C-alpha atoms as a PDB file:
ATOM      1  CA  UNK A   1       0.078  -0.111  -0.058  1.00  0.00           C
ATOM      2  CA  UNK A   2       1.553   3.361  -1.042  1.00  0.00           C
ATOM      3  CA  UNK A   3       1.392   6.263   1.201  1.00  0.00           C
ATOM      4  CA  UNK A   4       1.590   9.885   0.075  1.00  0.00           C
ATOM      5  CA  UNK A   5       1.020  13.320   1.544  1.00  0.00           C
ATOM      6  CA  UNK A   6      -2.049  15.482   0.371  1.00  0.00           C
ATOM      7  CA  UNK A   7       0.279  17.709  -1.384  1.00  0.00           C
ATOM      8  CA  UNK A   8       1.891  14.924  -3.398  1.00  0.00           C
ATOM      9  CA  UNK A   9      -1.379  13.584  -4.096  1.00  0.00           C
ATOM     10  CA  UNK A  10      -2.669  16.850  -5.347  1.00  0.00           C
ATOM     11  CA  UNK A  11       0.353  17.544  -7.616  1.00  0.00           C
ATOM     12  CA  UNK A  12       0.231  14.103  -9.112  1.00  0.00           C
ATOM     13  CA  UNK A  13      -3.517  13.473  -8.981  1.00  0.00           C
ATOM     14  CA  UNK A  14      -3.685  11.870 -12.577  1.00  0.00           C
ATOM     15  CA  UNK A  15      -0.989   9.564 -11.582  1.00  0.00           C
ATOM     16  CA  UNK A  16      -2.715   8.726  -8.352  1.00  0.00           C
ATOM     17  CA  UNK A  17      -5.844   7.878 -10.255  1.00  0.00           C
ATOM     18  CA  UNK A  18      -3.978   5.647 -12.776  1.00  0.00           C
ATOM     19  CA  UNK A  19      -2.480   3.760  -9.759  1.00  0.00           C
ATOM     20  CA  UNK A  20      -5.878   3.076  -8.404  1.00  0.00           C
ATOM     21  CA  UNK A  21      -7.104   2.155 -11.660  1.00  0.00           C
ATOM     22  CA  UNK A  22      -4.403  -0.422 -11.931  1.00  0.00           C
ATOM     23  CA  UNK A  23      -5.567  -1.842  -8.510  1.00  0.00           C
ATOM     24  CA  UNK A  24      -3.361  -0.018  -6.026  1.00  0.00           C
ATOM     25  CA  UNK A  25      -4.471   1.369  -2.880  1.00  0.00           C
ATOM     26  CA  UNK A  26      -3.038   4.725  -1.733  1.00  0.00           C
ATOM     27  CA  UNK A  27      -3.032   6.260   1.709  1.00  0.00           C
ATOM     28  CA  UNK A  28      -3.114  10.081   1.753  1.00  0.00           C
ATOM     29  CA  UNK A  29      -1.757  11.696   4.736  1.00  0.00           C
ATOM     30  CA  UNK A  30      -1.722  15.351   6.035  1.00  0.00           C
ATOM     31  CA  UNK A  31       0.639  16.444   8.938  1.00  0.00           C
ATOM     32  CA  UNK A  32       1.615  12.704   9.380  1.00  0.00           C
ATOM     33  CA  UNK A  33      -1.763  11.588  10.032  1.00  0.00           C
ATOM     34  CA  UNK A  34      -3.970   9.361   7.736  1.00  0.00           C
ATOM     35  CA  UNK A  35      -6.421  11.539   5.940  1.00  0.00           C
ATOM     36  CA  UNK A  36      -7.914   9.301   3.411  1.00  0.00           C
ATOM     37  CA  UNK A  37      -7.657   6.056   1.597  1.00  0.00           C
ATOM     38  CA  UNK A  38      -8.150   5.975  -2.257  1.00  0.00           C
ATOM     39  CA  UNK A  39      -8.596   2.421  -3.638  1.00  0.00           C
ATOM     40  CA  UNK A  40     -10.149   1.148  -6.840  1.00  0.00           C
ATOM     41  CA  UNK A  41     -13.826   1.201  -7.068  1.00  0.00           C
ATOM     42  CA  UNK A  42     -15.557  -2.221  -7.085  1.00  0.00           C
ATOM     43  CA  UNK A  43     -17.120  -3.374 -10.283  1.00  0.00           C
ATOM     44  CA  UNK A  44     -20.845  -3.298 -10.642  1.00  0.00           C
ATOM     45  CA  UNK A  45     -23.142  -4.867 -12.757  1.00  0.00           C
ATOM     46  CA  UNK A  46     -26.359  -3.243 -11.784  1.00  0.00           C
ATOM     47  CA  UNK A  47     -27.350  -6.604  -9.899  1.00  0.00           C
ATOM     48  CA  UNK A  48     -27.800  -4.653  -6.602  1.00  0.00           C
ATOM     49  CA  UNK A  49     -30.056  -2.181  -8.177  1.00  0.00           C
ATOM     50  CA  UNK A  50     -32.090  -4.930  -9.978  1.00  0.00           C
ATOM     51  CA  UNK A  51     -32.519  -6.899  -6.840  1.00  0.00           C
ATOM     52  CA  UNK A  52     -33.768  -3.918  -4.959  1.00  0.00           C
ATOM     53  CA  UNK A  53     -36.390  -3.218  -7.567  1.00  0.00           C
ATOM     54  CA  UNK A  54     -37.471  -6.742  -7.635  1.00  0.00           C
ATOM     55  CA  UNK A  55     -38.337  -6.564  -3.996  1.00  0.00           C
ATOM     56  CA  UNK A  56     -40.511  -3.855  -4.726  1.00  0.00           C
ATOM     57  CA  UNK A  57     -42.418  -5.233  -7.759  1.00  0.00           C
ATOM     58  CA  UNK A  58     -46.147  -4.341  -7.540  1.00  0.00           C
ATOM     59  CA  UNK A  59     -45.468  -1.275  -5.270  1.00  0.00           C
ATOM     60  CA  UNK A  60     -43.982   0.997  -8.060  1.00  0.00           C
ATOM     61  CA  UNK A  61     -46.471   3.167  -9.956  1.00  0.00           C
ATOM     62  CA  UNK A  62     -47.144   2.500 -13.625  1.00  0.00           C
ATOM     63  CA  UNK A  63     -44.970   5.358 -14.792  1.00  0.00           C
ATOM     64  CA  UNK A  64     -41.906   4.165 -13.255  1.00  0.00           C
ATOM     65  CA  UNK A  65     -40.493   1.937 -16.247  1.00  0.00           C
ATOM     66  CA  UNK A  66     -40.962   5.064 -18.520  1.00  0.00           C
ATOM     67  CA  UNK A  67     -39.161   7.316 -15.982  1.00  0.00           C
ATOM     68  CA  UNK A  68     -36.344   4.806 -15.872  1.00  0.00           C
ATOM     69  CA  UNK A  69     -36.170   4.532 -19.825  1.00  0.00           C
ATOM     70  CA  UNK A  70     -36.272   8.263 -20.176  1.00  0.00           C
ATOM     71  CA  UNK A  71     -33.255   8.670 -17.789  1.00  0.00           C
ATOM     72  CA  UNK A  72     -31.410   5.779 -19.517  1.00  0.00           C
ATOM     73  CA  UNK A  73     -31.920   7.686 -22.862  1.00  0.00           C
ATOM     74  CA  UNK A  74     -30.824  10.992 -21.306  1.00  0.00           C
ATOM     75  CA  UNK A  75     -27.703   9.541 -19.922  1.00  0.00           C
ATOM     76  CA  UNK A  76     -27.010   7.077 -22.773  1.00  0.00           C
ATOM     77  CA  UNK A  77     -26.098   4.271 -20.679  1.00  0.00           C
ATOM     78  CA  UNK A  78     -25.332   0.653 -21.497  1.00  0.00           C
ATOM     79  CA  UNK A  79     -27.870  -1.875 -20.178  1.00  0.00           C
ATOM     80  CA  UNK A  80     -27.417  -1.563 -16.306  1.00  0.00           C
ATOM     81  CA  UNK A  81     -29.631  -4.713 -15.747  1.00  0.00           C
ATOM     82  CA  UNK A  82     -27.282  -7.233 -17.495  1.00  0.00           C
ATOM     83  CA  UNK A  83     -25.351  -9.516 -15.380  1.00  0.00           C
END
């Protein structure tokens, strides 16, 4: 696990993000104290959202599917429901 100061992280932010993208976790310190931990974001397939929605089938109003589709078109997302 890499440790760097907040100043170093700020000056090299693109590099810090590249390292996190490659799977590295970086501890950021200020004044010798741990301030933050930057780590790779977990992968997501939409399964959590899909499962949550399935628990509420029947309780959502009729326009919900239309709202979701309109939002997807605005954001130009790939299919978030696929596994």
